[in-house]
Amino acid sequence: MRSIFLNQDDAHFYSCHPTSDMTVEGLERLVDFYVTDTQVAGLLFCTNLQKALFDSQVWEPLYADYDPDAGPDQPCLAKLKPEIRQIVPGDHGRNWVHNLWVLNRKHGIKHHQVWIDRCRHHGIEGWLTMRMNDSHGLKEFERDAKGMESCGDWLMLCPSRHWQENPQLRRAPWRSERSWEGSYNYALPEVRDHHMALIDELCTTFDFDGLELDWMRWGLMFAPGDEAAGRAILSDFVQQVRSKLDQAEQRIGHPIRLGVRVPSEPQEALANGYDVPQWVRSGWVDQVVLSSFFGLANLDIPVELWRLILGDDVRLIAHASGVAAPYPDAGVTVGHLDHQYGCASSALHRGADGVYLFNECYTESSNPSQLKTMLEHQGSLETLDQVARRYPVTFACHRAPGDVQRALLPIPISPPSIGRDMGRMEHNITLRIYIGRKPSTGRAVLLLGFCPDTPMLNTEKLQARLNGQNIKPMVDRPTSAFENNTIDFGHDPLKTINQWIGFDLTLAMLHDDTNVIEFLPAESFDDVAGELRWAEIVVEPS
């Protein structure tokens, strides 16, 4: 079964592959790798950041001013650190620009079309994906220009001349502490016209199966407070895009899907100006990808709610990630294949039509065997049952400006107040952990991690329940098989875990999807320092 959709991003192929691969054969080999003996149903090829990644006539290409014969001090490289002004294979600086130049200017290859044609050769969908407000490097560029701090990284290549010359088009030009402040303001007709021009060009230049509007790069489209009024503006924009695709269908002779990548929670989509229900009800949008900005794992994507809102005629795809963070300032855990599988199984069990991979394209270069394994298993519940899955408590990281960041963790051992928190129920700590389809065979373990301030808890007297039934802590420290890939909470030693408590879980106790954990962490109701900082259920097959 093919149900995996993989986003081939703005830099991976050009940065991580050698210049010798900047050929038709090299392009085709990339698609062959993703598709052969995998569950990949479609590939989405990125066309832009703030600059175009092809020989655009309406947007500045990334390599517009690049001269391959000039030295490292040429103007387009001037803001880079000296070490990345050289052509260093695998590097994200000059090498990125040079390889794009080789493809487009030296060889004249319309490489996005080569990729799409190769997808058709394999019988899968070939999409273009457009970043609707990419903001890489805006903070760094602006702060460098003001003399506030120097960057020198590849990010300095990203801001376009159009952005630099039009500060009045930014959503919050009075701020520069984050790149979001410098993002374009879609309330302004000039901004919409600028982006529609690229869409026009894509529709008249390429023959593709679908166009994705990636609203999650970077997700904020309006000045603070104007998001609700922006819904009508973006709806009109999406309708125009659909009309342009209808015209392109007449030219190329086959249907073209329109997809959108939006926040994973309906209220957050609306709060940011995305009226997805109208887009779908009006027949403009065929595919909705439920996602997050940072790519953090979300085990609680409300697929069922989206289905109730949008109906059955739209394809719902859920972003699955191995980058798990329990709460905003905890740091992240990167590259956990078993977290990838946990995300996918949770979403597919809730009714998602497929899973979406973002930034996993880099694993094609760094760890191709791991990516191949992922692409062989992540597309169905049946194949996911064959591999280990981890289901951590995480949070949905995308929020509208000023909205509440809803995160369950960390939880203080002693409650700050009594009778106010319906989720906690006094001294008892309650967790909801989402595991997709309950396992029929294998082993399941609950892992709880506590911060250094927490006194060593007496596991013999700790009372815990799973779905109302008693569970007992392990006598010994949880085995390394269930602690693989060390959990890294950043460089602050206060954010490490110094006590783990594990519980062997009887499979019969587990429920499909939602499992409720309750425990009293202390022997008495006296104030106890510390907090719970990590919780997950780990499932290993037989």
Protein backbone atom coordinates (compact mmCIF):
# COMPACT_ATOMS: atom_id res chain seq x y z
CA MET A 1 0.00 0.00 0.00
CA ARG A 2 1.35 3.42 -0.99
CA SER A 3 0.36 6.21 1.39
CA ILE A 4 3.57 8.12 2.20
CA PHE A 5 4.10 11.62 0.79
CA LEU A 6 7.64 12.99 1.04
CA ASN A 7 8.64 16.64 0.69
CA GLN A 8 11.91 17.11 -1.22
CA ASP A 9 12.96 20.43 0.22
CA ASP A 10 14.70 23.58 -1.00
CA ALA A 11 18.30 22.48 -0.44
CA HIS A 12 18.86 18.78 0.21
CA PHE A 13 19.59 17.52 -3.31
CA TYR A 14 21.66 20.53 -4.34
CA SER A 15 23.61 20.69 -1.08
CA CYS A 16 24.13 17.04 -0.18
CA HIS A 17 24.61 15.46 -3.61
CA PRO A 18 27.84 15.90 -5.59
CA THR A 19 28.00 18.13 -8.65
CA SER A 20 28.29 14.98 -10.76
CA ASP A 21 24.67 14.22 -9.82
CA MET A 22 23.41 17.49 -11.33
CA THR A 23 22.27 15.59 -14.43
CA VAL A 24 19.08 13.98 -15.66
CA GLU A 25 20.42 10.62 -14.51
CA GLY A 26 21.26 11.95 -11.06
CA LEU A 27 17.81 13.49 -10.70
CA GLU A 28 16.13 10.25 -11.71
CA ARG A 29 18.22 8.21 -9.27
CA LEU A 30 16.85 10.30 -6.39
CA VAL A 31 13.27 9.44 -7.31
CA ASP A 32 14.20 5.80 -7.88
CA PHE A 33 15.58 5.59 -4.35
CA TYR A 34 12.46 7.04 -2.76
CA VAL A 35 10.06 4.88 -4.75
CA THR A 36 11.62 1.45 -5.29
CA ASP A 37 10.28 -1.15 -2.80
CA THR A 38 8.68 1.49 -0.56
CA GLN A 39 5.22 2.77 0.38
CA VAL A 40 5.73 6.20 -1.20
CA ALA A 41 2.59 7.44 -2.97
CA GLY A 42 3.82 10.89 -3.95
CA LEU A 43 6.80 13.22 -3.93
CA LEU A 44 6.50 16.99 -3.49
CA PHE A 45 9.33 19.05 -4.97
CA CYS A 46 10.01 22.46 -3.44
CA THR A 47 10.11 25.33 -5.95
CA ASN A 48 11.23 28.25 -3.79
CA LEU A 49 12.12 29.88 -0.56
CA GLN A 50 12.18 33.68 -0.85
CA LYS A 51 14.01 33.02 -4.09
CA ALA A 52 13.13 30.61 -6.89
CA LEU A 53 14.90 27.28 -7.28
CA PHE A 54 14.56 27.26 -11.06
CA ASP A 55 15.10 29.73 -13.91
CA SER A 56 12.15 31.90 -12.97
CA GLN A 57 11.35 34.97 -15.03
CA VAL A 58 9.26 36.58 -12.28
CA TRP A 59 11.21 35.80 -9.09
CA GLU A 60 14.91 36.11 -8.36
CA PRO A 61 16.56 32.66 -8.59
CA LEU A 62 18.84 31.68 -5.72
CA TYR A 63 21.79 31.70 -8.12
CA ALA A 64 20.80 34.91 -9.98
CA ASP A 65 24.09 36.79 -9.41
CA TYR A 66 26.36 33.78 -9.02
CA ASP A 67 29.49 33.52 -11.16
CA PRO A 68 31.10 30.05 -11.01
CA ASP A 69 34.39 31.45 -12.26
CA ALA A 70 34.59 34.27 -9.74
CA GLY A 71 36.29 33.93 -6.42
CA PRO A 72 34.83 33.63 -2.94
CA ASP A 73 34.55 37.41 -2.56
CA GLN A 74 31.92 37.91 -5.26
CA PRO A 75 28.95 40.02 -4.07
CA CYS A 76 26.36 37.24 -3.79
CA LEU A 77 28.61 35.35 -1.33
CA ALA A 78 29.89 38.39 0.56
CA LYS A 79 27.78 37.87 3.67
CA LEU A 80 28.91 34.25 4.14
CA LYS A 81 31.70 33.11 6.44
CA PRO A 82 34.92 32.47 4.46
CA GLU A 83 34.77 28.70 4.96
CA ILE A 84 31.41 28.36 3.18
CA ARG A 85 32.29 30.69 0.31
CA GLN A 86 34.20 27.77 -1.20
CA ILE A 87 32.63 24.88 -3.10
CA VAL A 88 32.68 22.21 -0.42
CA PRO A 89 30.71 19.06 -1.35
CA GLY A 90 27.90 18.51 1.12
CA ASP A 91 27.99 22.08 2.35
CA HIS A 92 24.94 24.35 2.50
CA GLY A 93 26.72 27.54 1.42
CA ARG A 94 28.30 28.19 -1.99
CA ASN A 95 27.97 24.51 -2.86
CA TRP A 96 24.15 24.85 -2.67
CA VAL A 97 24.15 27.81 -5.05
CA HIS A 98 26.76 26.31 -7.36
CA ASN A 99 24.94 23.03 -7.91
CA LEU A 100 21.67 24.83 -8.64
CA TRP A 101 23.56 26.99 -11.15
CA VAL A 102 25.02 23.88 -12.78
CA LEU A 103 21.58 22.29 -13.18
CA ASN A 104 19.78 25.34 -14.47
CA ARG A 105 22.34 27.57 -16.19
CA LYS A 106 25.15 25.25 -17.29
CA HIS A 107 23.08 22.22 -18.29
CA GLY A 108 19.74 23.96 -18.84
CA ILE A 109 17.83 21.14 -17.16
CA LYS A 110 14.25 21.82 -16.07
CA HIS A 111 14.90 19.60 -13.10
CA HIS A 112 11.49 19.81 -11.42
CA GLN A 113 9.95 18.40 -14.60
CA VAL A 114 12.53 15.61 -14.73
CA TRP A 115 11.57 14.62 -11.19
CA ILE A 116 7.83 14.73 -11.96
CA ASP A 117 8.26 12.68 -15.13
CA ARG A 118 10.24 10.09 -13.19
CA CYS A 119 7.41 9.88 -10.64
CA ARG A 120 5.01 9.11 -13.46
CA HIS A 121 7.40 6.46 -14.74
CA HIS A 122 6.96 4.74 -11.37
CA GLY A 123 3.20 5.29 -11.22
CA ILE A 124 3.21 7.71 -8.28
CA GLU A 125 2.14 11.36 -7.96
CA GLY A 126 4.58 14.15 -8.72
CA TRP A 127 3.74 17.45 -7.00
CA LEU A 128 5.21 20.91 -6.81
CA THR A 129 5.16 22.57 -3.39
CA MET A 130 5.38 26.33 -2.97
CA ARG A 131 6.43 27.95 0.29
CA MET A 132 3.93 30.74 0.75
CA ASN A 133 5.95 32.91 3.14
CA ASP A 134 9.39 31.41 3.62
CA SER A 135 11.35 33.44 6.16
CA HIS A 136 14.70 31.72 6.42
CA GLY A 137 17.38 34.22 7.37
CA LEU A 138 15.16 37.28 7.76
CA LYS A 139 16.09 37.87 11.39
CA GLU A 140 19.76 37.15 10.76
CA PHE A 141 19.91 39.38 7.68
CA GLU A 142 18.10 42.28 9.36
CA ARG A 143 20.14 42.15 12.56
CA ASP A 144 23.35 41.90 10.55
CA ALA A 145 22.33 44.96 8.49
CA LYS A 146 21.68 46.94 11.69
CA GLY A 147 25.03 45.91 13.18
CA MET A 148 23.33 44.04 16.02
CA GLU A 149 24.92 40.64 15.43
CA SER A 150 26.74 38.79 12.67
CA CYS A 151 25.58 35.48 11.24
CA GLY A 152 27.61 34.44 8.17
CA ASP A 153 25.65 31.20 7.77
CA TRP A 154 23.82 29.94 4.67
CA LEU A 155 20.74 31.76 5.97
CA MET A 156 22.24 34.98 4.61
CA LEU A 157 21.66 33.66 1.07
CA CYS A 158 17.90 33.41 1.53
CA PRO A 159 16.37 36.91 1.78
CA SER A 160 15.45 38.18 -1.68
CA ARG A 161 16.13 41.61 -3.13
CA HIS A 162 12.35 42.10 -3.29
CA TRP A 163 12.12 41.62 0.48
CA GLN A 164 15.16 43.77 1.21
CA GLU A 165 13.87 46.65 -0.90
CA ASN A 166 10.30 46.59 0.43
CA PRO A 167 10.29 46.74 4.24
CA GLN A 168 6.77 48.20 4.10
CA LEU A 169 5.48 44.78 3.00
CA ARG A 170 6.46 43.04 6.27
CA ARG A 171 3.88 41.89 8.80
CA ALA A 172 5.61 43.47 11.83
CA PRO A 173 8.44 45.69 10.55
CA TRP A 174 8.86 47.30 13.97
CA ARG A 175 10.36 44.04 15.32
CA SER A 176 13.32 41.86 14.35
CA GLU A 177 13.82 39.39 17.19
CA ARG A 178 12.38 36.55 15.08
CA SER A 179 12.14 35.93 11.36
CA TRP A 180 8.34 35.75 11.61
CA GLU A 181 8.24 39.49 12.19
CA GLY A 182 9.80 40.05 8.79
CA SER A 183 7.43 37.70 6.95
CA TYR A 184 5.34 39.18 4.18
CA ASN A 185 1.92 40.62 5.09
CA TYR A 186 -0.72 38.98 2.88
CA ALA A 187 -3.21 41.74 3.68
CA LEU A 188 -1.29 43.83 1.14
CA PRO A 189 -2.21 43.36 -2.55
CA GLU A 190 1.45 43.76 -3.56
CA VAL A 191 2.37 40.70 -1.48
CA ARG A 192 -0.40 38.57 -2.94
CA ASP A 193 0.47 39.69 -6.47
CA HIS A 194 4.13 38.85 -5.88
CA HIS A 195 3.31 35.27 -4.85
CA MET A 196 0.58 34.81 -7.44
CA ALA A 197 3.09 35.69 -10.14
CA LEU A 198 5.17 32.66 -9.20
CA ILE A 199 2.06 30.46 -9.15
CA ASP A 200 1.20 31.73 -12.65
CA GLU A 201 4.66 30.77 -13.81
CA LEU A 202 4.47 27.30 -12.26
CA CYS A 203 1.11 26.70 -13.94
CA THR A 204 2.40 27.71 -17.38
CA THR A 205 5.86 26.14 -17.14
CA PHE A 206 5.39 22.68 -15.64
CA ASP A 207 3.19 19.61 -16.10
CA PHE A 208 2.49 18.33 -12.58
CA ASP A 209 -0.07 16.22 -10.73
CA GLY A 210 -0.62 18.57 -7.81
CA LEU A 211 0.36 21.94 -6.39
CA GLU A 212 0.76 22.32 -2.64
CA LEU A 213 0.43 25.73 -1.00
CA ASP A 214 2.72 25.34 2.02
CA TRP A 215 1.28 27.81 4.51
CA MET A 216 3.49 26.33 7.27
CA ARG A 217 6.59 27.95 5.79
CA TRP A 218 6.41 29.98 7.96
CA GLY A 219 2.82 30.13 9.06
CA LEU A 220 2.17 33.77 10.00
CA MET A 221 0.63 35.72 7.13
CA PHE A 222 -0.83 38.89 8.67
CA ALA A 223 0.02 41.69 11.05
CA PRO A 224 -0.77 40.78 14.66
CA GLY A 225 -4.52 41.08 15.19
CA ASP A 226 -5.45 40.97 11.49
CA GLU A 227 -5.62 37.19 11.17
CA ALA A 228 -9.41 36.84 11.44
CA ALA A 229 -9.98 39.50 8.80
CA GLY A 230 -7.37 37.69 6.71
CA ARG A 231 -9.50 34.59 6.26
CA ALA A 232 -11.52 36.16 3.47
CA ILE A 233 -8.30 37.40 1.84
CA LEU A 234 -6.67 33.98 1.83
CA SER A 235 -9.88 32.29 0.72
CA ASP A 236 -10.02 34.60 -2.30
CA PHE A 237 -6.36 33.82 -2.95
CA VAL A 238 -6.94 30.05 -2.82
CA GLN A 239 -9.93 30.37 -5.15
CA GLN A 240 -7.74 32.23 -7.66
CA VAL A 241 -5.13 29.49 -7.47
CA ARG A 242 -7.78 26.87 -8.16
CA SER A 243 -8.90 28.83 -11.23
CA LYS A 244 -5.34 28.96 -12.52
CA LEU A 245 -5.00 25.20 -12.03
CA ASP A 246 -8.26 24.71 -13.95
CA GLN A 247 -6.72 26.64 -16.84
CA ALA A 248 -3.52 24.60 -16.59
CA GLU A 249 -5.58 21.40 -16.77
CA GLN A 250 -6.87 22.51 -20.16
CA ARG A 251 -3.29 23.02 -21.33
CA ILE A 252 -1.83 19.72 -20.12
CA GLY A 253 -4.92 17.54 -20.43
CA HIS A 254 -5.26 15.96 -16.99
CA PRO A 255 -6.57 16.90 -13.51
CA ILE A 256 -4.34 18.79 -11.08
CA ARG A 257 -4.90 18.51 -7.35
CA LEU A 258 -4.60 21.50 -5.05
CA GLY A 259 -3.18 20.78 -1.61
CA VAL A 260 -2.50 22.89 1.47
CA ARG A 261 -0.21 22.37 4.46
CA VAL A 262 -1.78 23.91 7.57
CA PRO A 263 -1.63 23.71 11.39
CA SER A 264 -2.70 20.37 12.83
CA GLU A 265 -5.52 21.77 14.96
CA PRO A 266 -8.64 23.35 13.38
CA GLN A 267 -8.81 26.29 15.77
CA GLU A 268 -5.18 27.18 15.16
CA ALA A 269 -5.74 27.10 11.41
CA LEU A 270 -8.65 29.52 11.76
CA ALA A 271 -6.77 31.70 14.24
CA ASN A 272 -3.98 32.18 11.70
CA GLY A 273 -6.32 33.04 8.83
CA TYR A 274 -6.75 29.66 7.14
CA ASP A 275 -10.43 28.90 6.52
CA VAL A 276 -9.78 25.33 5.45
CA PRO A 277 -13.46 24.28 5.74
CA GLN A 278 -14.44 26.89 3.16
CA TRP A 279 -11.58 25.89 0.88
CA VAL A 280 -12.73 22.27 0.93
CA ARG A 281 -16.50 22.92 0.83
CA SER A 282 -16.03 25.18 -2.18
CA GLY A 283 -14.22 22.43 -4.04
CA TRP A 284 -10.94 24.33 -4.30
CA VAL A 285 -8.74 22.04 -2.21
CA ASP A 286 -8.31 18.26 -2.66
CA GLN A 287 -5.61 17.48 -0.07
CA VAL A 288 -4.96 18.84 3.43
CA VAL A 289 -1.70 18.13 5.25
CA LEU A 290 -1.98 18.55 9.02
CA SER A 291 1.41 19.69 10.23
CA SER A 292 3.54 21.81 12.55
CA PHE A 293 6.11 24.49 11.92
CA PHE A 294 9.16 23.07 13.65
CA GLY A 295 8.33 19.56 12.52
CA LEU A 296 7.84 18.42 16.11
CA ALA A 297 6.09 15.13 16.68
CA ASN A 298 2.41 15.42 17.53
CA LEU A 299 0.80 12.17 18.70
CA ASP A 300 -2.60 13.83 19.10
CA ILE A 301 -3.46 15.22 15.67
CA PRO A 302 -7.29 15.40 15.72
CA VAL A 303 -7.85 13.60 12.43
CA GLU A 304 -11.38 12.56 13.41
CA LEU A 305 -12.36 16.17 14.11
CA TRP A 306 -10.96 17.34 10.80
CA ARG A 307 -12.90 14.56 9.05
CA LEU A 308 -16.14 15.66 10.70
CA ILE A 309 -15.48 19.23 9.61
CA LEU A 310 -14.20 18.59 6.10
CA GLY A 311 -16.08 15.45 5.07
CA ASP A 312 -14.92 12.40 3.14
CA ASP A 313 -14.12 13.96 -0.25
CA VAL A 314 -10.78 15.46 0.79
CA ARG A 315 -7.55 13.54 1.31
CA LEU A 316 -6.25 14.08 4.85
CA ILE A 317 -2.52 13.56 5.35
CA ALA A 318 -0.84 13.77 8.76
CA HIS A 319 2.74 14.89 9.32
CA ALA A 320 4.73 12.20 11.12
CA SER A 321 7.99 13.19 12.78
CA GLY A 322 10.74 11.67 14.89
CA VAL A 323 11.55 15.00 16.54
CA ALA A 324 9.80 14.80 19.91
CA ALA A 325 9.65 17.57 22.50
CA PRO A 326 7.54 17.23 25.66
CA TYR A 327 7.11 20.99 26.17
CA PRO A 328 8.32 24.22 24.53
CA ASP A 329 11.62 24.84 26.34
CA ALA A 330 12.66 21.24 26.85
CA GLY A 331 14.81 20.92 23.75
CA VAL A 332 14.16 18.17 21.20
CA THR A 333 15.05 14.58 20.50
CA VAL A 334 16.17 14.20 16.91
CA GLY A 335 16.16 11.20 14.61
CA HIS A 336 14.07 8.73 16.57
CA LEU A 337 12.77 6.26 14.03
CA ASP A 338 10.47 4.77 16.66
CA HIS A 339 8.89 8.20 17.29
CA GLN A 340 8.29 8.46 13.56
CA TYR A 341 6.45 5.18 13.70
CA GLY A 342 4.47 6.25 16.76
CA CYS A 343 3.25 9.40 15.01
CA ALA A 344 2.29 7.50 11.89
CA SER A 345 0.40 4.74 13.67
CA SER A 346 -1.55 7.22 15.79
CA ALA A 347 -2.62 9.26 12.76
CA LEU A 348 -3.43 6.29 10.52
CA HIS A 349 -5.49 4.63 13.23
CA ARG A 350 -7.53 7.84 13.55
CA GLY A 351 -8.33 7.74 9.85
CA ALA A 352 -5.60 9.69 8.08
CA ASP A 353 -5.30 8.78 4.40
CA GLY A 354 -1.53 8.90 4.55
CA VAL A 355 1.53 10.29 6.28
CA TYR A 356 3.71 13.23 5.29
CA LEU A 357 7.47 13.44 5.76
CA PHE A 358 9.18 16.83 5.98
CA ASN A 359 12.98 17.20 6.15
CA GLU A 360 13.43 13.42 6.10
CA CYS A 361 14.92 13.94 2.63
CA TYR A 362 18.25 14.71 4.35
CA THR A 363 18.34 11.16 5.68
CA GLU A 364 18.62 10.01 2.05
CA SER A 365 22.18 11.32 2.24
CA SER A 366 23.08 10.89 5.91
CA ASN A 367 21.51 7.49 6.62
CA PRO A 368 19.90 6.00 3.50
CA SER A 369 19.33 2.55 5.02
CA GLN A 370 17.34 4.10 7.88
CA LEU A 371 15.22 6.14 5.47
CA LYS A 372 14.61 3.08 3.33
CA THR A 373 13.41 1.17 6.39
CA MET A 374 11.11 4.06 7.26
CA LEU A 375 9.66 4.18 3.76
CA GLU A 376 9.04 0.43 3.86
CA HIS A 377 7.06 0.50 7.13
CA GLN A 378 5.51 3.87 7.84
CA GLY A 379 2.63 3.77 5.38
CA SER A 380 0.26 1.21 6.93
CA LEU A 381 -0.82 -0.09 10.33
CA GLU A 382 0.08 -3.63 9.29
CA THR A 383 3.73 -2.83 8.58
CA LEU A 384 3.94 -0.52 11.59
CA ASP A 385 2.91 -3.43 13.80
CA GLN A 386 6.20 -5.08 12.79
CA VAL A 387 8.46 -2.38 14.28
CA ALA A 388 9.07 -0.73 17.64
CA ARG A 389 6.97 2.37 18.29
CA ARG A 390 7.35 5.09 20.92
CA TYR A 391 4.41 7.25 21.97
CA PRO A 392 5.64 10.25 23.98
CA VAL A 393 3.56 13.01 25.51
CA THR A 394 4.22 15.98 23.22
CA PHE A 395 2.54 19.26 22.32
CA ALA A 396 1.23 20.92 19.16
CA CYS A 397 3.80 23.67 18.69
CA HIS A 398 2.03 25.96 16.23
CA ARG A 399 0.07 28.86 17.72
CA ALA A 400 -1.38 32.18 16.64
CA PRO A 401 0.31 35.25 18.18
CA GLY A 402 -0.86 35.65 21.76
CA ASP A 403 -2.58 32.26 21.89
CA VAL A 404 -2.02 29.82 24.75
CA GLN A 405 0.70 27.22 24.29
CA ARG A 406 -1.06 24.08 25.46
CA ALA A 407 1.46 21.64 26.87
CA LEU A 408 0.77 19.04 29.55
CA LEU A 409 4.38 18.66 30.68
CA PRO A 410 6.21 19.50 32.84
CA ILE A 411 3.94 18.61 35.77
CA PRO A 412 4.98 19.58 39.31
CA ILE A 413 5.04 16.68 41.77
CA SER A 414 2.93 18.69 44.21
CA PRO A 415 0.01 20.66 42.72
CA PRO A 416 0.26 24.44 43.08
CA SER A 417 -3.42 24.59 44.10
CA ILE A 418 -6.26 22.26 45.00
CA GLY A 419 -9.64 22.07 43.29
CA ARG A 420 -8.66 24.16 40.25
CA ASP A 421 -7.23 21.64 37.78
CA MET A 422 -9.80 19.21 36.40
CA GLY A 423 -7.12 17.51 34.34
CA ARG A 424 -4.96 16.68 37.32
CA MET A 425 -7.54 15.83 39.97
CA GLU A 426 -5.73 17.07 43.09
CA HIS A 427 -2.49 15.30 44.06
CA ASN A 428 -2.95 12.60 41.46
CA ILE A 429 -1.07 13.11 38.17
CA THR A 430 -3.04 12.10 35.08
CA LEU A 431 -1.65 11.66 31.55
CA ARG A 432 -3.25 10.80 28.24
CA ILE A 433 -1.00 8.86 25.90
CA TYR A 434 -2.08 8.09 22.34
CA ILE A 435 -0.86 4.80 20.84
CA GLY A 436 -2.90 4.26 17.68
CA ARG A 437 -4.00 0.66 17.32
CA LYS A 438 -3.29 -1.35 20.46
CA PRO A 439 -0.71 -4.09 19.96
CA SER A 440 -1.88 -7.71 19.95
CA THR A 441 1.58 -9.16 20.59
CA GLY A 442 4.89 -7.97 21.95
CA ARG A 443 5.79 -5.89 24.97
CA ALA A 444 4.68 -2.46 26.19
CA VAL A 445 6.40 -0.32 28.79
CA LEU A 446 5.48 3.01 30.36
CA LEU A 447 8.45 5.29 31.03
CA LEU A 448 8.30 8.30 33.34
CA GLY A 449 11.24 10.71 33.70
CA PHE A 450 11.75 13.15 36.58
CA CYS A 451 13.99 16.19 36.89
CA PRO A 452 17.04 16.42 39.21
CA ASP A 453 15.10 18.45 41.83
CA THR A 454 12.74 15.53 42.37
CA PRO A 455 13.60 13.39 45.43
CA MET A 456 14.09 9.71 44.65
CA LEU A 457 10.57 8.38 44.63
CA ASN A 458 9.74 5.21 46.53
CA THR A 459 8.59 2.87 43.77
CA GLU A 460 7.34 0.30 46.28
CA LYS A 461 4.71 2.73 47.55
CA LEU A 462 3.99 4.54 44.28
CA GLN A 463 0.37 3.96 43.25
CA ALA A 464 -0.28 3.90 39.51
CA ARG A 465 -3.10 2.84 37.17
CA LEU A 466 -3.52 2.30 33.47
CA ASN A 467 -7.09 2.81 32.29
CA GLY A 468 -8.25 2.24 35.87
CA GLN A 469 -6.25 -0.94 36.51
CA ASN A 470 -3.30 -1.19 38.89
CA ILE A 471 0.18 -1.32 37.39
CA LYS A 472 3.41 -1.95 39.29
CA PRO A 473 6.77 -0.24 38.80
CA MET A 474 9.71 -2.31 37.65
CA VAL A 475 12.04 -3.30 40.45
CA ASP A 476 15.12 -2.50 38.39
CA ARG A 477 15.93 0.54 36.32
CA PRO A 478 14.28 0.33 32.85
CA THR A 479 16.45 -1.63 30.42
CA SER A 480 18.48 0.06 27.72
CA ALA A 481 16.24 -1.46 25.04
CA PHE A 482 13.60 1.02 26.15
CA GLU A 483 16.01 3.95 26.50
CA ASN A 484 17.60 3.78 23.08
CA ASN A 485 18.56 7.13 21.57
CA THR A 486 19.43 9.14 24.65
CA ILE A 487 16.85 11.76 25.46
CA ASP A 488 18.56 15.13 25.11
CA PHE A 489 17.00 18.12 26.84
CA GLY A 490 19.60 20.59 25.64
CA HIS A 491 22.69 21.96 27.33
CA ASP A 492 21.09 23.12 30.57
CA PRO A 493 21.86 20.42 33.18
CA LEU A 494 18.67 21.33 35.06
CA LYS A 495 16.71 19.98 32.12
CA THR A 496 18.12 16.47 32.27
CA ILE A 497 16.36 13.41 33.64
CA ASN A 498 17.96 11.83 36.69
CA GLN A 499 15.27 9.32 37.67
CA TRP A 500 13.42 6.94 35.40
CA ILE A 501 10.54 4.77 36.56
CA GLY A 502 9.30 2.05 34.25
CA PHE A 503 6.14 -0.06 34.27
CA ASP A 504 5.59 -3.27 32.35
CA LEU A 505 2.11 -3.00 30.86
CA THR A 506 -0.21 -5.91 30.18
CA LEU A 507 -1.37 -5.63 26.58
CA ALA A 508 -4.93 -6.47 27.57
CA MET A 509 -5.03 -3.29 29.68
CA LEU A 510 -4.22 -1.05 26.72
CA HIS A 511 -6.92 0.70 24.71
CA ASP A 512 -6.87 1.68 21.07
CA ASP A 513 -5.74 5.31 20.73
CA THR A 514 -6.24 6.92 24.15
CA ASN A 515 -4.72 5.49 27.33
CA VAL A 516 -5.04 7.25 30.67
CA ILE A 517 -2.23 6.97 33.22
CA GLU A 518 -2.85 7.98 36.85
CA PHE A 519 -0.32 7.95 39.66
CA LEU A 520 0.36 9.42 43.06
CA PRO A 521 4.07 10.24 42.96
CA ALA A 522 4.62 10.84 46.68
CA GLU A 523 4.03 8.85 49.84
CA SER A 524 2.31 11.76 51.55
CA PHE A 525 0.49 14.88 50.53
CA ASP A 526 3.21 17.14 51.86
CA ASP A 527 4.87 19.46 49.37
CA VAL A 528 7.41 17.60 47.25
CA ALA A 529 9.88 19.39 44.98
CA GLY A 530 10.51 18.53 41.36
CA GLU A 531 8.44 17.70 38.32
CA LEU A 532 7.62 15.06 35.74
CA ARG A 533 9.36 15.98 32.47
CA TRP A 534 8.95 12.99 30.20
CA ALA A 535 6.32 10.29 29.69
CA GLU A 536 5.89 7.74 26.94
CA ILE A 537 4.62 4.27 26.15
CA VAL A 538 7.06 2.12 24.22
CA VAL A 539 5.84 -0.84 22.20
CA GLU A 540 8.13 -3.56 20.87
CA PRO A 541 6.82 -6.34 18.64
CA SER A 542 7.41 -9.99 19.46
